[in-house]
Structure formats: C-alpha cells, structure tokens
Amino acid sequence: MGADERRRAILEVLCQRKKETMKNLANEFHVSLRTICYDIDELARNYPIVTTRGKYKGGVKIADGYRLDRKYMNPKQQHLLKRLSKTLSGEDRNIMESILRDFTLKEISEANPGY
C-alpha cells in the first residue's frame, strides 16, 4: 500500500470511527508511529482533522458530520459568501443562507483545523 492509498484509508477509518489514536492507526496500517504522524499532518492540510495530546484523551479526530462523498467550502469561500449575503435581500438572501448551511462544515471544538 502506497502513501496515497494509506492516507485515503486513514480518512475512511476516521470517518467511520470519528476518533482514533495514532498508535492504533500505526498498528492497523503496519507502519511506524512517525509515518502515521506524517500522514496525519499531510491530511490535516486539506481535511478537517485535528490532533489532541494526552495519555487518555489524545488522538486524531475528524470534524463531526464530515463525509468523504461530500464537497465542503473552505473558510475563504465561506467568508466571501457571508459578506455577499449581507448585500442580498428576500429570496436571494434565503438561497445564499441555504448554500452556506448545506456546504459549511461545523467547526471542530478541540482545536483549529488545518482545513
């Protein structure tokens, strides 16, 4: 399994489990802890993934509600549409707000995502 395939599989695992430890991921994918840390760092650049430290509460988490089969806006896109929404009224404003609701991912509470 190459790095790209492994990273896609890690995303799938996180979408199913929502949270996992790096140690468990390293064991599951038969790679070193360092490799998993590098994979997670790479994934966090493009996906709403955060890591938390701690012996019992530490791990890797993906944003609640995130799904691989769905497109989401990045923060710059969200900010632009929110600014534009303020200039709209009536049905146009309702449509813009529905777009924001449907394609904005909820924030991860533990930390700021690299997304």
C-alpha atoms as a PDB file:
ATOM      1  CA  MET A   1       0.000   0.000   0.000  1.00  0.00           C
ATOM      2  CA  GLY A   2       1.415   3.363  -1.038  1.00  0.00           C
ATOM      3  CA  ALA A   3       1.218   6.580   0.947  1.00  0.00           C
ATOM      4  CA  ASP A   4      -1.760   7.946  -1.020  1.00  0.00           C
ATOM      5  CA  GLU A   5      -3.743   4.730  -0.595  1.00  0.00           C
ATOM      6  CA  ARG A   6      -2.900   4.589   3.109  1.00  0.00           C
ATOM      7  CA  ARG A   7      -3.949   8.211   3.642  1.00  0.00           C
ATOM      8  CA  ARG A   8      -7.254   7.597   1.882  1.00  0.00           C
ATOM      9  CA  ALA A   9      -7.771   4.529   4.100  1.00  0.00           C
ATOM     10  CA  ILE A  10      -6.936   6.583   7.202  1.00  0.00           C
ATOM     11  CA  LEU A  11      -9.583   9.133   6.172  1.00  0.00           C
ATOM     12  CA  GLU A  12     -12.122   6.346   5.756  1.00  0.00           C
ATOM     13  CA  VAL A  13     -11.265   4.952   9.195  1.00  0.00           C
ATOM     14  CA  LEU A  14     -11.606   8.392  10.799  1.00  0.00           C
ATOM     15  CA  CYS A  15     -14.946   8.989   9.087  1.00  0.00           C
ATOM     16  CA  GLN A  16     -16.222   5.689  10.494  1.00  0.00           C
ATOM     17  CA  ARG A  17     -14.761   5.933  13.998  1.00  0.00           C
ATOM     18  CA  LYS A  18     -14.583   9.747  14.384  1.00  0.00           C
ATOM     19  CA  LYS A  19     -11.597   9.455  16.722  1.00  0.00           C
ATOM     20  CA  GLU A  20      -8.604   7.145  16.958  1.00  0.00           C
ATOM     21  CA  THR A  21      -5.127   7.074  18.488  1.00  0.00           C
ATOM     22  CA  MET A  22      -2.020   7.380  16.354  1.00  0.00           C
ATOM     23  CA  LYS A  23      -0.644   4.229  17.920  1.00  0.00           C
ATOM     24  CA  ASN A  24      -3.698   2.213  16.876  1.00  0.00           C
ATOM     25  CA  LEU A  25      -3.505   3.631  13.350  1.00  0.00           C
ATOM     26  CA  ALA A  26       0.195   2.746  13.105  1.00  0.00           C
ATOM     27  CA  ASN A  27      -0.554  -0.811  14.201  1.00  0.00           C
ATOM     28  CA  GLU A  28      -3.522  -1.156  11.887  1.00  0.00           C
ATOM     29  CA  PHE A  29      -1.623   0.076   8.831  1.00  0.00           C
ATOM     30  CA  HIS A  30       1.633  -1.691   9.740  1.00  0.00           C
ATOM     31  CA  VAL A  31       3.743   1.471   9.685  1.00  0.00           C
ATOM     32  CA  SER A  32       5.744   3.386  12.256  1.00  0.00           C
ATOM     33  CA  LEU A  33       4.238   5.981  14.557  1.00  0.00           C
ATOM     34  CA  ARG A  34       6.377   8.575  12.786  1.00  0.00           C
ATOM     35  CA  THR A  35       4.845   7.620   9.415  1.00  0.00           C
ATOM     36  CA  ILE A  36       1.314   7.971  10.814  1.00  0.00           C
ATOM     37  CA  CYS A  37       2.198  11.362  12.298  1.00  0.00           C
ATOM     38  CA  TYR A  38       3.468  12.489   8.895  1.00  0.00           C
ATOM     39  CA  ASP A  39       0.338  11.118   7.191  1.00  0.00           C
ATOM     40  CA  ILE A  40      -1.937  12.940   9.638  1.00  0.00           C
ATOM     41  CA  ASP A  41      -0.006  16.191   9.160  1.00  0.00           C
ATOM     42  CA  GLU A  42      -0.430  15.866   5.392  1.00  0.00           C
ATOM     43  CA  LEU A  43      -4.135  15.043   5.682  1.00  0.00           C
ATOM     44  CA  ALA A  44      -4.779  17.937   8.077  1.00  0.00           C
ATOM     45  CA  ARG A  45      -3.677  20.374   5.369  1.00  0.00           C
ATOM     46  CA  ASN A  46      -6.721  19.503   3.268  1.00  0.00           C
ATOM     47  CA  TYR A  47      -9.227  17.906   5.609  1.00  0.00           C
ATOM     48  CA  PRO A  48     -10.819  18.988   8.915  1.00  0.00           C
ATOM     49  CA  ILE A  49      -8.585  16.837  11.104  1.00  0.00           C
ATOM     50  CA  VAL A  50      -7.079  17.773  14.441  1.00  0.00           C
ATOM     51  CA  THR A  51      -4.850  16.005  16.891  1.00  0.00           C
ATOM     52  CA  THR A  52      -5.066  16.246  20.644  1.00  0.00           C
ATOM     53  CA  ARG A  53      -2.418  15.383  23.163  1.00  0.00           C
ATOM     54  CA  GLY A  54      -2.967  13.372  26.261  1.00  0.00           C
ATOM     55  CA  LYS A  55      -2.441   9.920  27.619  1.00  0.00           C
ATOM     56  CA  TYR A  56      -6.135   9.061  27.769  1.00  0.00           C
ATOM     57  CA  LYS A  57      -7.850  11.743  25.696  1.00  0.00           C
ATOM     58  CA  GLY A  58      -5.232  12.163  22.989  1.00  0.00           C
ATOM     59  CA  GLY A  59      -5.720  11.104  19.428  1.00  0.00           C
ATOM     60  CA  VAL A  60      -6.812  12.066  15.959  1.00  0.00           C
ATOM     61  CA  LYS A  61     -10.280  13.413  15.232  1.00  0.00           C
ATOM     62  CA  ILE A  62     -12.193  14.376  12.120  1.00  0.00           C
ATOM     63  CA  ALA A  63     -14.935  17.024  12.238  1.00  0.00           C
ATOM     64  CA  ASP A  64     -18.375  15.819  13.243  1.00  0.00           C
ATOM     65  CA  GLY A  65     -20.521  15.233  10.211  1.00  0.00           C
ATOM     66  CA  TYR A  66     -17.616  15.178   7.758  1.00  0.00           C
ATOM     67  CA  ARG A  67     -18.112  12.735   4.891  1.00  0.00           C
ATOM     68  CA  LEU A  68     -15.732  11.858   2.086  1.00  0.00           C
ATOM     69  CA  ASP A  69     -18.501  11.748  -0.503  1.00  0.00           C
ATOM     70  CA  ARG A  70     -19.463  15.386   0.025  1.00  0.00           C
ATOM     71  CA  LYS A  71     -17.927  18.715  -1.013  1.00  0.00           C
ATOM     72  CA  TYR A  72     -17.398  21.496   1.516  1.00  0.00           C
ATOM     73  CA  MET A  73     -16.417  25.131   1.232  1.00  0.00           C
ATOM     74  CA  ASN A  74     -13.093  26.259   2.570  1.00  0.00           C
ATOM     75  CA  PRO A  75     -13.013  29.152   5.083  1.00  0.00           C
ATOM     76  CA  LYS A  76     -12.204  31.779   2.431  1.00  0.00           C
ATOM     77  CA  GLN A  77     -15.189  30.723   0.342  1.00  0.00           C
ATOM     78  CA  GLN A  78     -17.430  30.794   3.417  1.00  0.00           C
ATOM     79  CA  HIS A  79     -16.223  34.263   4.397  1.00  0.00           C
ATOM     80  CA  LEU A  80     -16.845  35.659   0.905  1.00  0.00           C
ATOM     81  CA  LEU A  81     -20.362  34.245   0.713  1.00  0.00           C
ATOM     82  CA  LYS A  82     -21.206  35.557   4.196  1.00  0.00           C
ATOM     83  CA  ARG A  83     -20.070  39.037   3.159  1.00  0.00           C
ATOM     84  CA  LEU A  84     -22.059  38.851  -0.061  1.00  0.00           C
ATOM     85  CA  SER A  85     -25.103  37.546   1.788  1.00  0.00           C
ATOM     86  CA  LYS A  86     -25.313  40.809   3.755  1.00  0.00           C
ATOM     87  CA  THR A  87     -25.868  42.696   0.495  1.00  0.00           C
ATOM     88  CA  LEU A  88     -28.798  40.482  -0.546  1.00  0.00           C
ATOM     89  CA  SER A  89     -32.438  40.541   0.456  1.00  0.00           C
ATOM     90  CA  GLY A  90     -35.556  38.434   0.168  1.00  0.00           C
ATOM     91  CA  GLU A  91     -35.381  35.125  -1.666  1.00  0.00           C
ATOM     92  CA  ASP A  92     -31.782  35.714  -2.832  1.00  0.00           C
ATOM     93  CA  ARG A  93     -30.623  36.048   0.766  1.00  0.00           C
ATOM     94  CA  ASN A  94     -32.551  32.898   1.755  1.00  0.00           C
ATOM     95  CA  ILE A  95     -30.903  30.963  -1.076  1.00  0.00           C
ATOM     96  CA  MET A  96     -27.426  32.202  -0.085  1.00  0.00           C
ATOM     97  CA  GLU A  97     -28.033  31.241   3.549  1.00  0.00           C
ATOM     98  CA  SER A  98     -29.162  27.762   2.478  1.00  0.00           C
ATOM     99  CA  ILE A  99     -25.961  27.345   0.446  1.00  0.00           C
ATOM    100  CA  LEU A 100     -23.923  28.310   3.495  1.00  0.00           C
ATOM    101  CA  ARG A 101     -25.867  25.878   5.695  1.00  0.00           C
ATOM    102  CA  ASP A 102     -25.567  22.996   3.234  1.00  0.00           C
ATOM    103  CA  PHE A 103     -21.877  23.353   2.364  1.00  0.00           C
ATOM    104  CA  THR A 104     -20.286  24.677   5.542  1.00  0.00           C
ATOM    105  CA  LEU A 105     -18.665  22.158   7.826  1.00  0.00           C
ATOM    106  CA  LYS A 106     -19.133  22.523  11.564  1.00  0.00           C
ATOM    107  CA  GLU A 107     -16.038  23.637  13.436  1.00  0.00           C
ATOM    108  CA  ILE A 108     -14.019  21.182  15.485  1.00  0.00           C
ATOM    109  CA  SER A 109     -14.195  22.318  19.088  1.00  0.00           C
ATOM    110  CA  GLU A 110     -10.850  20.979  20.386  1.00  0.00           C
ATOM    111  CA  ALA A 111      -8.603  22.979  18.082  1.00  0.00           C
ATOM    112  CA  ASN A 112      -8.401  24.919  14.888  1.00  0.00           C
ATOM    113  CA  PRO A 113      -8.450  22.536  11.931  1.00  0.00           C
ATOM    114  CA  GLY A 114      -5.810  22.663   9.261  1.00  0.00           C
ATOM    115  CA  TYR A 115      -8.617  22.845   6.733  1.00  0.00           C
END
